[in-house]
Protein backbone atom coordinates (compact mmCIF):
# COMPACT_ATOMS: atom_id res chain seq x y z
CA MET A 1 62.03 125.69 62.57
CA ASP A 2 61.74 125.77 66.17
CA MET A 3 60.08 122.60 67.17
CA ARG A 4 62.49 120.65 64.63
CA ARG A 5 65.06 122.57 66.87
CA GLY A 6 63.41 121.23 70.05
CA ASN A 7 63.44 118.03 69.18
CA PHE A 8 66.81 117.95 67.88
CA LEU A 9 68.16 119.05 71.62
CA LEU A 10 65.80 116.30 73.29
CA LEU A 11 67.03 113.21 71.22
CA ALA A 12 70.84 114.69 71.19
CA SER A 13 70.37 114.56 75.53
CA LEU A 14 68.60 111.44 75.38
CA ALA A 15 71.93 110.23 73.19
CA ALA A 16 74.06 112.15 75.77
CA MET A 17 72.50 110.31 78.65
CA ALA A 18 72.49 106.47 76.96
CA ALA A 19 76.33 106.97 76.52
CA THR A 20 77.44 108.01 79.57
CA PRO A 21 78.50 104.89 81.79
CA ALA A 22 76.38 103.64 85.05
CA LEU A 23 78.04 102.69 88.53
CA GLY A 24 79.46 99.06 87.78
CA GLN A 25 79.86 99.21 84.07
CA GLY A 26 82.98 98.60 83.31
CA ALA A 27 86.11 96.92 81.12
CA GLY A 28 85.26 92.72 80.57
CA PRO A 29 87.97 90.70 81.06
CA THR A 30 89.66 91.24 77.91
CA VAL A 31 92.41 94.07 77.80
CA GLY A 32 90.65 97.09 77.07
CA ALA A 33 87.07 95.57 76.05
CA ALA A 34 83.96 97.33 77.75
CA SER A 35 81.12 95.95 78.82
CA THR A 36 77.75 96.68 78.48
CA ALA A 37 76.70 94.88 82.04
CA THR A 38 75.41 97.78 84.48
CA GLN A 39 75.04 97.30 88.18
CA SER A 40 73.30 99.25 90.45
CA ALA A 41 74.94 101.70 93.01
CA ALA A 42 73.11 99.94 95.89
CA SER A 43 75.12 96.30 94.98
CA VAL A 44 78.54 97.58 94.95
CA PRO A 45 80.36 96.13 97.96
CA ASP A 46 81.69 98.52 100.81
CA PHE A 47 85.54 98.09 100.02
CA SER A 48 86.16 101.73 101.95
CA ARG A 49 88.93 101.17 104.66
CA LEU A 50 92.15 100.82 106.51
CA TRP A 51 92.83 97.05 105.65
CA ALA A 52 96.36 94.73 106.82
CA ASN A 53 97.81 91.92 105.11
CA SER A 54 98.69 89.79 107.82
CA LEU A 55 100.71 86.74 106.43
CA GLY A 56 104.41 87.46 104.15
CA PRO A 57 107.08 87.71 103.14
CA GLY A 58 105.37 85.97 100.49
CA PHE A 59 102.37 85.67 98.49
CA SER A 60 100.33 82.48 99.60
CA PRO A 61 99.64 79.98 96.75
CA PRO A 62 96.46 78.89 95.70
CA ALA A 63 94.02 76.27 96.56
CA SER A 64 95.03 74.41 93.46
CA GLY A 65 96.67 75.42 90.61
CA PRO A 66 100.63 76.94 89.37
CA GLY A 67 101.39 79.66 92.08
CA PRO A 68 103.80 81.71 92.91
CA VAL A 69 107.80 81.46 93.68
CA LEU A 70 108.13 80.79 97.28
CA ASN A 71 110.86 80.63 99.83
CA LYS A 72 113.71 78.55 100.43
CA ALA A 73 113.86 80.03 103.80
CA ARG A 74 112.14 78.32 106.44
CA ALA A 75 111.77 78.40 110.10
CA ARG A 76 109.08 77.48 112.72
CA ALA A 77 106.50 80.25 112.77
CA ALA A 78 106.52 81.86 115.80
CA VAL A 79 102.71 82.66 116.65
CA ASP A 80 99.06 81.51 114.61
CA ILE A 81 96.74 83.51 112.63
CA TYR A 82 95.71 85.30 116.15
CA GLY A 83 98.59 86.66 117.38
CA LYS A 84 98.94 83.13 120.01
CA PRO A 85 102.87 82.06 120.34
CA LEU A 86 103.17 78.80 119.44
CA ASN A 87 104.66 75.32 120.36
CA PRO A 88 108.33 75.60 119.27
CA ALA A 89 108.34 72.15 118.48
CA THR A 90 104.77 71.27 116.56
CA ALA A 91 104.79 74.80 115.29
CA PRO A 92 104.40 74.55 111.58
CA ILE A 93 108.03 75.40 109.13
CA VAL A 94 106.77 78.14 107.48
CA SER A 95 108.75 81.30 105.27
CA VAL A 96 110.97 83.07 106.73
CA GLY A 97 109.85 86.99 107.28
CA GLY A 98 113.74 88.64 107.42
CA ARG A 99 115.01 86.02 104.27
CA ARG A 100 114.33 85.42 101.12
CA VAL A 101 116.13 83.35 99.14
CA GLY A 102 113.16 82.40 96.42
CA ASP A 103 113.29 78.65 94.62
CA ASP A 104 114.30 78.64 91.60
CA THR A 105 113.19 75.55 90.11
CA ALA A 106 109.73 76.96 91.08
CA PRO A 107 108.30 75.21 87.52
CA ILE A 108 106.44 78.41 86.42
CA LEU A 109 110.18 80.41 85.80
CA GLN A 110 111.42 80.17 82.43
CA PRO A 111 115.62 79.27 82.48
CA TRP A 112 115.98 83.00 82.33
CA ALA A 113 113.69 83.86 85.02
CA ALA A 114 114.76 80.88 87.23
CA GLN A 115 118.83 82.62 86.66
CA VAL A 116 117.50 86.03 87.99
CA VAL A 117 116.08 84.23 91.06
CA LYS A 118 119.01 82.53 91.27
CA GLU A 119 120.93 84.95 91.63
CA HIS A 120 119.23 87.27 94.22
CA ALA A 121 118.75 84.25 96.17
CA ASP A 122 122.74 83.55 96.33
CA LYS A 123 123.38 87.69 96.70
CA GLU A 124 120.85 87.24 99.64
CA LEU A 125 122.56 84.32 101.50
CA ASN A 126 126.01 85.66 100.84
CA ALA A 127 125.96 89.10 100.80
CA GLY A 128 124.00 90.70 102.83
CA PRO A 129 119.84 91.64 101.76
CA ALA A 130 120.06 91.25 98.18
CA PRO A 131 118.66 94.43 96.74
CA ASN A 132 114.75 95.23 95.89
CA PRO A 133 112.53 97.57 96.12
CA ILE A 134 112.39 97.75 99.21
CA ASN A 135 115.76 98.69 100.63
CA GLN A 136 116.54 100.85 97.77
CA CYS A 137 113.21 103.12 98.42
CA ARG A 138 112.25 102.32 94.93
CA PRO A 139 108.75 102.50 93.97
CA GLY A 140 107.77 98.78 94.53
CA GLY A 141 104.87 98.40 90.89
CA MET A 142 102.87 95.80 90.54
CA PRO A 143 102.24 93.16 91.46
CA PHE A 144 105.40 93.93 93.69
CA VAL A 145 103.89 96.61 95.46
CA LEU A 146 101.09 93.82 97.05
CA TYR A 147 103.44 92.31 99.90
CA ASN A 148 102.68 96.01 101.83
CA TYR A 149 101.72 95.04 105.65
CA GLY A 150 99.30 98.45 105.15
CA MET A 151 97.08 99.34 102.56
CA GLU A 152 93.94 101.73 102.71
CA MET A 153 90.90 101.55 99.37
CA ILE A 154 89.55 105.12 98.54
CA GLN A 155 86.37 104.59 96.38
CA LYS A 156 84.07 106.69 94.57
CA ARG A 157 82.04 106.31 91.58
CA ASP A 158 84.35 106.27 88.58
CA SER A 159 87.66 105.36 90.58
CA ILE A 160 89.22 103.66 93.06
CA THR A 161 92.80 104.65 94.97
CA PHE A 162 95.09 102.53 97.18
CA LEU A 163 97.39 104.07 99.40
CA TYR A 164 100.14 101.49 100.65
CA VAL A 165 101.86 102.90 104.01
CA PHE A 166 105.08 101.74 102.67
CA ASP A 167 106.55 105.17 101.30
CA HIS A 168 103.27 106.36 100.75
CA GLU A 169 102.63 104.64 97.03
CA VAL A 170 99.36 105.33 95.47
CA ARG A 171 97.91 103.51 92.88
CA HIS A 172 95.63 104.73 90.29
CA VAL A 173 92.36 102.43 89.39
CA ARG A 174 90.15 103.94 86.31
CA LEU A 175 86.83 102.06 86.96
CA ASN A 176 84.62 101.09 83.09
CA GLN A 177 87.27 102.35 81.21
CA ALA A 178 89.53 100.88 78.51
CA HIS A 179 93.30 100.72 78.70
CA PRO A 180 94.66 103.75 75.92
CA ALA A 181 95.41 102.18 72.78
CA GLN A 182 99.34 103.84 73.44
CA LEU A 183 100.29 103.51 76.75
CA THR A 184 103.28 104.53 78.28
CA PRO A 185 104.84 102.04 81.02
CA SER A 186 105.13 103.04 84.53
CA TRP A 187 106.02 101.10 88.07
CA SER A 188 102.09 100.84 88.73
CA GLY A 189 100.55 100.60 84.94
CA ASP A 190 97.61 101.39 84.22
CA SER A 191 95.02 100.03 85.46
CA VAL A 192 90.73 99.88 84.51
CA GLY A 193 88.37 97.84 86.78
CA HIS A 194 84.87 96.84 86.95
CA TYR A 195 82.62 95.21 89.09
CA GLU A 196 81.28 91.27 88.09
CA GLY A 197 78.95 91.26 90.99
CA ASP A 198 79.99 91.82 94.65
CA THR A 199 83.81 91.97 93.36
CA LEU A 200 86.06 94.22 91.53
CA VAL A 201 87.72 93.31 88.95
CA ILE A 202 90.85 95.06 88.09
CA ASP A 203 93.43 94.46 85.13
CA THR A 204 96.29 95.96 85.09
CA VAL A 205 99.53 96.50 82.12
CA GLY A 206 101.98 98.40 80.53
CA ILE A 207 104.29 97.71 83.90
CA LYS A 208 107.89 99.25 83.04
CA THR A 209 110.92 97.30 83.74
CA GLY A 210 114.22 98.69 85.67
CA PRO A 211 116.75 99.10 87.86
CA TYR A 212 115.27 96.88 90.61
CA THR A 213 111.40 95.82 89.11
CA MET A 214 110.01 92.69 90.27
CA VAL A 215 106.97 90.37 90.84
CA ASP A 216 107.67 89.39 94.33
CA GLN A 217 110.93 90.08 97.45
CA PHE A 218 113.00 86.96 95.60
CA GLY A 219 114.58 88.88 92.78
CA THR A 220 110.96 87.42 90.37
CA PRO A 221 111.66 89.22 86.84
CA HIS A 222 109.15 90.25 84.57
CA THR A 223 109.03 91.47 81.10
CA GLU A 224 107.07 94.58 80.32
CA ALA A 225 104.12 92.27 78.57
CA LEU A 226 103.49 91.37 82.07
CA HIS A 227 99.72 91.72 82.90
CA VAL A 228 97.66 91.24 86.29
CA ILE A 229 94.43 90.98 86.99
CA GLU A 230 93.43 91.29 90.87
CA ARG A 231 90.10 89.98 91.89
CA TYR A 232 88.24 91.55 95.44
CA ARG A 233 85.80 90.53 97.12
CA LEU A 234 84.73 90.92 100.81
CA ILE A 235 84.44 87.18 102.22
CA ASP A 236 82.96 86.50 105.79
CA TYR A 237 85.25 85.86 109.08
CA GLN A 238 85.20 82.20 109.33
CA ALA A 239 85.94 81.95 105.93
CA ALA A 240 88.73 84.33 106.34
CA MET A 241 90.46 82.31 108.91
CA GLN A 242 90.14 79.51 106.83
CA ALA A 243 91.64 80.67 104.19
CA LEU A 244 94.49 82.30 106.56
CA GLU A 245 94.76 78.95 108.29
CA ARG A 246 95.83 77.58 104.67
CA GLY A 247 97.92 81.20 103.79
CA ALA A 248 99.69 80.55 107.42
CA LYS A 249 101.03 76.80 106.31
CA GLU A 250 103.46 78.96 103.97
CA ASN A 251 103.98 82.25 105.28
CA ALA A 252 104.97 83.81 108.60
CA ASN A 253 102.17 85.26 110.69
CA MET A 254 103.22 88.98 110.20
CA ILE A 255 100.44 90.58 112.99
CA GLY A 256 103.64 92.52 114.97
CA ASN A 257 104.72 94.50 112.01
CA ASP A 258 106.03 97.79 111.96
CA SER A 259 104.01 98.78 109.15
CA GLY A 260 102.13 101.00 111.18
CA VAL A 261 99.31 99.55 110.38
CA VAL A 262 97.72 96.49 113.09
CA THR A 263 95.30 93.84 112.50
CA ASP A 264 92.39 94.42 114.79
CA LEU A 265 91.92 90.71 116.17
CA ASN A 266 87.97 92.43 117.43
CA ASP A 267 86.60 92.73 114.18
CA LYS A 268 85.06 89.40 113.26
CA GLY A 269 83.21 91.53 111.03
CA LYS A 270 83.65 91.25 106.81
CA HIS A 271 87.17 90.24 105.94
CA MET A 272 88.76 91.12 102.06
CA GLN A 273 89.89 87.76 99.52
CA LEU A 274 92.19 88.99 96.76
CA GLU A 275 93.15 87.17 94.02
CA ILE A 276 96.15 87.78 92.03
CA THR A 277 96.71 86.12 88.09
CA VAL A 278 100.01 86.75 86.71
CA GLU A 279 100.93 86.21 83.32
CA ASP A 280 103.82 87.20 81.08
CA PRO A 281 104.84 85.07 78.11
CA GLY A 282 108.21 86.85 78.96
CA ALA A 283 109.31 85.43 82.03
CA PHE A 284 106.55 82.15 83.59
CA THR A 285 105.69 79.23 81.29
CA THR A 286 102.28 79.38 82.22
CA PRO A 287 100.05 81.87 84.18
CA TRP A 288 99.53 81.83 87.93
CA SER A 289 97.78 82.91 90.69
CA ALA A 290 98.47 83.80 94.49
CA THR A 291 95.61 85.31 97.25
CA VAL A 292 95.96 87.10 99.72
CA ILE A 293 93.87 88.21 103.12
CA TYR A 294 93.23 91.57 104.02
CA ARG A 295 91.19 91.89 107.51
CA PRO A 296 90.41 94.71 109.05
CA GLY A 297 92.97 97.22 110.29
CA VAL A 298 94.12 99.98 112.64
CA SER A 299 96.70 102.64 112.74
CA ALA A 300 98.91 101.28 115.43
CA TYR A 301 99.46 104.70 117.01
CA GLY A 302 95.47 104.51 117.97
CA ALA A 303 93.60 106.08 115.38
CA SER A 304 91.81 104.05 112.71
CA SER A 305 91.41 106.77 110.74
CA ASP A 306 95.22 108.24 110.92
CA PHE A 307 97.05 106.56 108.10
CA PRO A 308 100.82 106.37 109.09
CA GLU A 309 103.91 108.00 108.53
CA ALA A 310 106.43 105.42 106.71
CA VAL A 311 109.39 107.98 103.74
CA CYS A 312 111.86 104.95 103.06
CA ALA A 313 114.49 107.42 102.64
CA GLU A 314 113.72 109.07 105.87
CA ASN A 315 113.15 106.19 107.84
CA PRO A 316 115.02 104.76 110.77
CA HIS A 317 115.28 101.86 110.80
CA GLU A 318 118.65 101.22 109.27
CA LEU A 319 117.27 101.95 105.36
CA ALA A 320 120.11 104.33 105.28
CA ARG A 321 123.07 101.39 105.19
CA GLN A 322 120.75 98.94 102.26
CA ALA A 323 119.64 101.80 100.35
CA ALA A 324 121.11 104.38 97.70
CA VAL A 325 120.63 107.13 100.00
CA PRO A 326 123.82 109.27 99.80
CA THR A 327 125.40 110.02 103.07
CA ALA A 328 128.43 111.54 104.39
CA ASP A 329 131.84 110.05 105.72
CA LYS A 330 132.71 112.42 107.65
CA PRO A 331 130.83 116.40 108.10
CA ASP A 332 131.18 119.04 105.85
CA PHE A 333 131.50 121.59 107.71
């Protein structure tokens, strides 16, 4: 009797060990699917650090294929990707950082979505800054939050945490799990990830809609069918510079932004490439993609490990004038 009981406990323990996912074993490219692939801890890339996104305000188009809505507000670029001043006569004409006028003729937009982009652009041009999650102190949501010029990744065995500098937004990504069958939409959605070789793949669904929700800073709308796939990969310095050169043909260099995170121009080590794929049959005519190149970042306040404070409603940069933050016309006492 004791021997049979011992054999049963041994078999149960082995079964439990087999059922425990190993590092790198994760959800496949299909939503909710689980992969049986395994990956050793030694082969998992190390993404944990402070990163700087130096191009904006829009997403950089992909090398080929359908891309994001672009900015119709254009001007000569002021600096190059190394932070050096450009000749005003020959500098490329790029998206203006302070004006966000989306191109409503973008072929990815369904007619109703194009109209929303057009109305947003009209407000931006004629009535001051058009409301968006930034100037309304609202959660950015996915993939809007990727505009942040400062981001830190905290990498663990079974999760990834993203800290975004503006208003302390946080995203949690579970590794090697499936999306729940019943999902309540949220600003960041439900994100699950896994490793495919040297690439971290994150699949996000369940992104809610509401006041001021948008895909980008041009007011591009989405429905609750929105599905975003992120692919993060470390690349060498030269490959990053080539990608940044391509991106700088569309977007302005924001190396001198006031987010509190600045690019470490002296760091020629690994940079990080993010490729996003966005699909939403309720708003777009086709899936489309975009890229973000993250450069090694440091705190503008001197210590590379210090994550800067950037609380929207308490920010002194005139956000109270734009956002729906309570203000008094006269003293209460």
